[in-house]
C-alpha cells in the first residue's frame, strides 16, 4: 500500500430494510476499521457491506479496491 485507505462507510440492513451507514474514513492502513450497527433487536437478520480503495506500487502502480460483505442472524 502507498498512503491512506479510503473507506466508504459500512452500510447495513435489518430484515431487508436499510438501517444506516457509518461515517467514511481516510486513514492509514494500520487503522483498526470498525463500525456500529445499532439498534439490532433479537430475531433479526442483518446484512452489511463496505468498500475500500487504496493506492499500490505493484508494477507501475495503481488503485486497488475491495468490497466486504456479510450477514448474520441475531437470535434470542
N, C-alpha and C. Protein backbone atom coordinates (compact mmCIF):
# COMPACT_ATOMS: atom_id res chain seq x y z
N UNK A 1 0.83 -1.19 0.00
CA UNK A 1 0.00 0.00 0.00
C UNK A 1 0.87 1.24 0.00
N UNK A 2 0.36 2.25 -0.64
CA UNK A 2 1.04 3.53 -0.67
C UNK A 2 0.04 4.58 -0.17
N UNK A 3 0.29 5.12 0.98
CA UNK A 3 -0.61 6.15 1.50
C UNK A 3 -1.80 5.57 2.26
N UNK A 4 -2.84 6.38 2.36
CA UNK A 4 -4.00 6.05 3.17
C UNK A 4 -5.02 5.18 2.44
N UNK A 5 -5.94 4.63 3.22
CA UNK A 5 -7.05 3.83 2.72
C UNK A 5 -8.31 4.67 2.81
N UNK A 6 -9.11 4.64 1.75
CA UNK A 6 -10.40 5.34 1.75
C UNK A 6 -11.50 4.31 1.96
N UNK A 7 -12.27 4.48 3.03
CA UNK A 7 -13.39 3.59 3.34
C UNK A 7 -14.69 4.33 3.08
N UNK A 8 -15.61 3.71 2.36
CA UNK A 8 -16.89 4.35 2.05
C UNK A 8 -17.74 4.56 3.29
N UNK A 9 -17.72 3.62 4.21
CA UNK A 9 -18.57 3.65 5.41
C UNK A 9 -19.54 2.49 5.35
N UNK A 10 -19.53 1.67 6.37
CA UNK A 10 -20.35 0.46 6.43
C UNK A 10 -21.83 0.78 6.26
N UNK A 11 -22.46 0.14 5.26
CA UNK A 11 -23.90 0.24 5.06
C UNK A 11 -24.50 -1.05 5.60
N UNK A 12 -25.65 -0.95 6.27
CA UNK A 12 -26.25 -2.16 6.82
C UNK A 12 -27.76 -2.15 6.71
N UNK A 13 -28.33 -3.35 6.68
CA UNK A 13 -29.76 -3.57 6.54
C UNK A 13 -30.22 -4.51 7.64
N UNK A 14 -31.42 -4.29 8.16
CA UNK A 14 -32.03 -5.18 9.15
C UNK A 14 -33.35 -5.68 8.56
N UNK A 15 -33.47 -6.99 8.46
CA UNK A 15 -34.67 -7.63 7.92
C UNK A 15 -35.06 -7.04 6.57
N UNK A 16 -34.04 -6.76 5.73
CA UNK A 16 -34.28 -6.28 4.38
C UNK A 16 -34.48 -4.78 4.23
N UNK A 17 -34.46 -4.03 5.32
CA UNK A 17 -34.65 -2.58 5.27
C UNK A 17 -33.34 -1.88 5.61
N UNK A 18 -32.95 -0.92 4.79
CA UNK A 18 -31.70 -0.20 5.06
C UNK A 18 -31.81 0.49 6.42
N UNK A 19 -30.80 0.27 7.25
CA UNK A 19 -30.83 0.77 8.62
C UNK A 19 -29.86 1.92 8.85
N UNK A 20 -28.88 2.09 7.97
CA UNK A 20 -27.95 3.19 8.18
C UNK A 20 -26.64 3.00 7.46
N UNK A 21 -25.78 4.00 7.61
CA UNK A 21 -24.43 3.96 7.07
C UNK A 21 -23.50 4.64 8.05
N UNK A 22 -22.38 3.99 8.34
CA UNK A 22 -21.37 4.57 9.21
C UNK A 22 -20.56 5.63 8.45
N UNK A 23 -19.84 6.43 9.18
CA UNK A 23 -19.04 7.50 8.58
C UNK A 23 -17.92 6.94 7.71
N UNK A 24 -17.59 7.68 6.68
CA UNK A 24 -16.45 7.30 5.83
C UNK A 24 -15.16 7.66 6.56
N UNK A 25 -14.07 7.03 6.14
CA UNK A 25 -12.75 7.29 6.73
C UNK A 25 -11.71 7.40 5.63
N UNK A 26 -10.67 8.19 5.87
CA UNK A 26 -9.48 8.25 5.04
C UNK A 26 -8.32 8.17 6.00
N UNK A 27 -7.79 6.96 6.20
CA UNK A 27 -6.90 6.68 7.31
C UNK A 27 -5.70 5.81 6.88
N UNK A 28 -4.66 5.74 7.73
CA UNK A 28 -3.52 4.87 7.43
C UNK A 28 -3.95 3.40 7.37
N UNK A 29 -3.22 2.56 6.62
CA UNK A 29 -3.60 1.15 6.52
C UNK A 29 -3.54 0.40 7.85
N UNK A 30 -2.85 0.93 8.83
CA UNK A 30 -2.78 0.28 10.15
C UNK A 30 -4.02 0.56 11.01
N UNK A 31 -4.93 1.40 10.54
CA UNK A 31 -6.14 1.76 11.29
C UNK A 31 -6.99 0.52 11.55
N UNK A 32 -7.56 0.41 12.74
CA UNK A 32 -8.47 -0.69 13.07
C UNK A 32 -9.87 -0.30 12.62
N UNK A 33 -10.29 -0.79 11.44
CA UNK A 33 -11.61 -0.47 10.93
C UNK A 33 -12.66 -1.10 11.81
N UNK A 34 -13.74 -0.37 12.06
CA UNK A 34 -14.80 -0.83 12.94
C UNK A 34 -16.10 -0.13 12.55
N UNK A 35 -17.18 -0.56 13.11
CA UNK A 35 -18.46 0.07 12.82
C UNK A 35 -19.48 -0.27 13.89
N UNK A 36 -20.57 0.45 13.87
CA UNK A 36 -21.65 0.23 14.83
C UNK A 36 -22.94 -0.01 14.07
N UNK A 37 -23.64 -1.04 14.45
CA UNK A 37 -24.96 -1.33 13.89
C UNK A 37 -25.93 -1.34 15.06
N UNK A 38 -26.66 -0.25 15.21
CA UNK A 38 -27.50 -0.09 16.38
C UNK A 38 -28.76 0.68 16.01
N UNK A 39 -29.94 0.25 16.40
CA UNK A 39 -30.22 -0.95 17.20
C UNK A 39 -30.45 -2.17 16.32
N UNK A 40 -30.11 -3.31 16.87
CA UNK A 40 -30.45 -4.59 16.26
C UNK A 40 -31.11 -5.42 17.36
N UNK A 41 -32.38 -5.69 17.18
CA UNK A 41 -33.14 -6.43 18.18
C UNK A 41 -33.00 -7.93 17.96
N UNK A 42 -33.35 -8.70 18.98
CA UNK A 42 -33.34 -10.16 18.85
C UNK A 42 -34.22 -10.58 17.69
N UNK A 43 -33.91 -11.71 17.10
CA UNK A 43 -34.63 -12.30 15.98
C UNK A 43 -34.60 -11.34 14.79
N UNK A 44 -33.40 -10.90 14.43
CA UNK A 44 -33.21 -10.01 13.28
C UNK A 44 -32.14 -10.59 12.35
N UNK A 45 -32.34 -10.39 11.06
CA UNK A 45 -31.38 -10.79 10.05
C UNK A 45 -30.66 -9.52 9.59
N UNK A 46 -29.35 -9.48 9.73
CA UNK A 46 -28.55 -8.29 9.43
C UNK A 46 -27.61 -8.58 8.26
N UNK A 47 -27.58 -7.66 7.30
CA UNK A 47 -26.63 -7.72 6.19
C UNK A 47 -25.80 -6.44 6.23
N UNK A 48 -24.55 -6.52 5.79
CA UNK A 48 -23.68 -5.34 5.79
C UNK A 48 -22.73 -5.37 4.61
N UNK A 49 -22.23 -4.18 4.25
CA UNK A 49 -21.32 -4.05 3.11
C UNK A 49 -20.50 -2.79 3.27
N UNK A 50 -19.24 -2.86 2.85
CA UNK A 50 -18.37 -1.69 2.87
C UNK A 50 -17.42 -1.78 1.67
N UNK A 51 -16.84 -0.66 1.28
CA UNK A 51 -15.99 -0.58 0.09
C UNK A 51 -14.74 0.22 0.43
N UNK A 52 -13.57 -0.31 0.07
CA UNK A 52 -12.29 0.30 0.38
C UNK A 52 -11.49 0.49 -0.91
N UNK A 53 -10.75 1.59 -1.00
CA UNK A 53 -9.80 1.80 -2.10
C UNK A 53 -8.49 2.32 -1.52
N UNK A 54 -7.38 2.01 -2.22
CA UNK A 54 -6.06 2.48 -1.81
C UNK A 54 -5.11 2.41 -3.00
N UNK A 55 -4.05 3.17 -2.93
CA UNK A 55 -3.01 3.17 -3.96
C UNK A 55 -2.03 2.04 -3.66
N UNK A 56 -1.47 1.47 -4.71
CA UNK A 56 -0.45 0.43 -4.54
C UNK A 56 0.72 0.72 -5.48
N UNK A 57 1.84 0.10 -5.17
CA UNK A 57 3.02 0.29 -6.00
C UNK A 57 3.47 -1.02 -6.64
N UNK A 58 2.55 -1.91 -6.92
CA UNK A 58 2.85 -3.16 -7.62
C UNK A 58 3.00 -2.84 -9.10
N UNK A 59 4.07 -3.30 -9.69
CA UNK A 59 4.33 -2.99 -11.10
C UNK A 59 4.45 -1.48 -11.29
N UNK A 60 3.63 -0.94 -12.18
CA UNK A 60 3.67 0.51 -12.42
C UNK A 60 2.76 1.29 -11.46
N UNK A 61 2.17 0.60 -10.50
CA UNK A 61 1.31 1.26 -9.51
C UNK A 61 -0.12 1.38 -10.00
N UNK A 62 -0.99 1.81 -9.12
CA UNK A 62 -2.40 1.97 -9.47
C UNK A 62 -3.27 2.03 -8.24
N UNK A 63 -4.54 1.77 -8.44
CA UNK A 63 -5.51 1.80 -7.35
C UNK A 63 -6.12 0.41 -7.19
N UNK A 64 -6.20 -0.05 -5.96
CA UNK A 64 -6.84 -1.33 -5.64
C UNK A 64 -8.15 -1.05 -4.92
N UNK A 65 -9.07 -1.98 -5.01
CA UNK A 65 -10.37 -1.84 -4.35
C UNK A 65 -10.80 -3.18 -3.77
N UNK A 66 -11.54 -3.12 -2.67
CA UNK A 66 -12.05 -4.34 -2.03
C UNK A 66 -13.42 -4.03 -1.47
N UNK A 67 -14.39 -4.89 -1.77
CA UNK A 67 -15.71 -4.83 -1.14
C UNK A 67 -15.79 -5.95 -0.13
N UNK A 68 -16.25 -5.64 1.07
CA UNK A 68 -16.52 -6.68 2.06
C UNK A 68 -18.03 -6.70 2.30
N UNK A 69 -18.56 -7.87 2.54
CA UNK A 69 -19.99 -8.00 2.78
C UNK A 69 -20.22 -9.26 3.61
N UNK A 70 -21.31 -9.26 4.34
CA UNK A 70 -21.65 -10.42 5.13
C UNK A 70 -23.04 -10.29 5.71
N UNK A 71 -23.40 -11.29 6.48
CA UNK A 71 -24.70 -11.28 7.13
C UNK A 71 -24.64 -12.13 8.39
N UNK A 72 -25.59 -11.89 9.27
CA UNK A 72 -25.72 -12.72 10.47
C UNK A 72 -27.15 -12.66 10.96
N UNK A 73 -27.51 -13.64 11.75
CA UNK A 73 -28.84 -13.71 12.35
C UNK A 73 -28.68 -13.48 13.84
N UNK A 74 -29.41 -12.51 14.39
CA UNK A 74 -29.35 -12.21 15.82
C UNK A 74 -30.48 -12.98 16.49
N UNK A 75 -30.12 -14.08 17.14
CA UNK A 75 -31.11 -14.93 17.81
C UNK A 75 -31.44 -14.38 19.20
N UNK A 76 -32.42 -14.98 19.82
CA UNK A 76 -32.80 -14.55 21.18
C UNK A 76 -31.75 -14.96 22.18
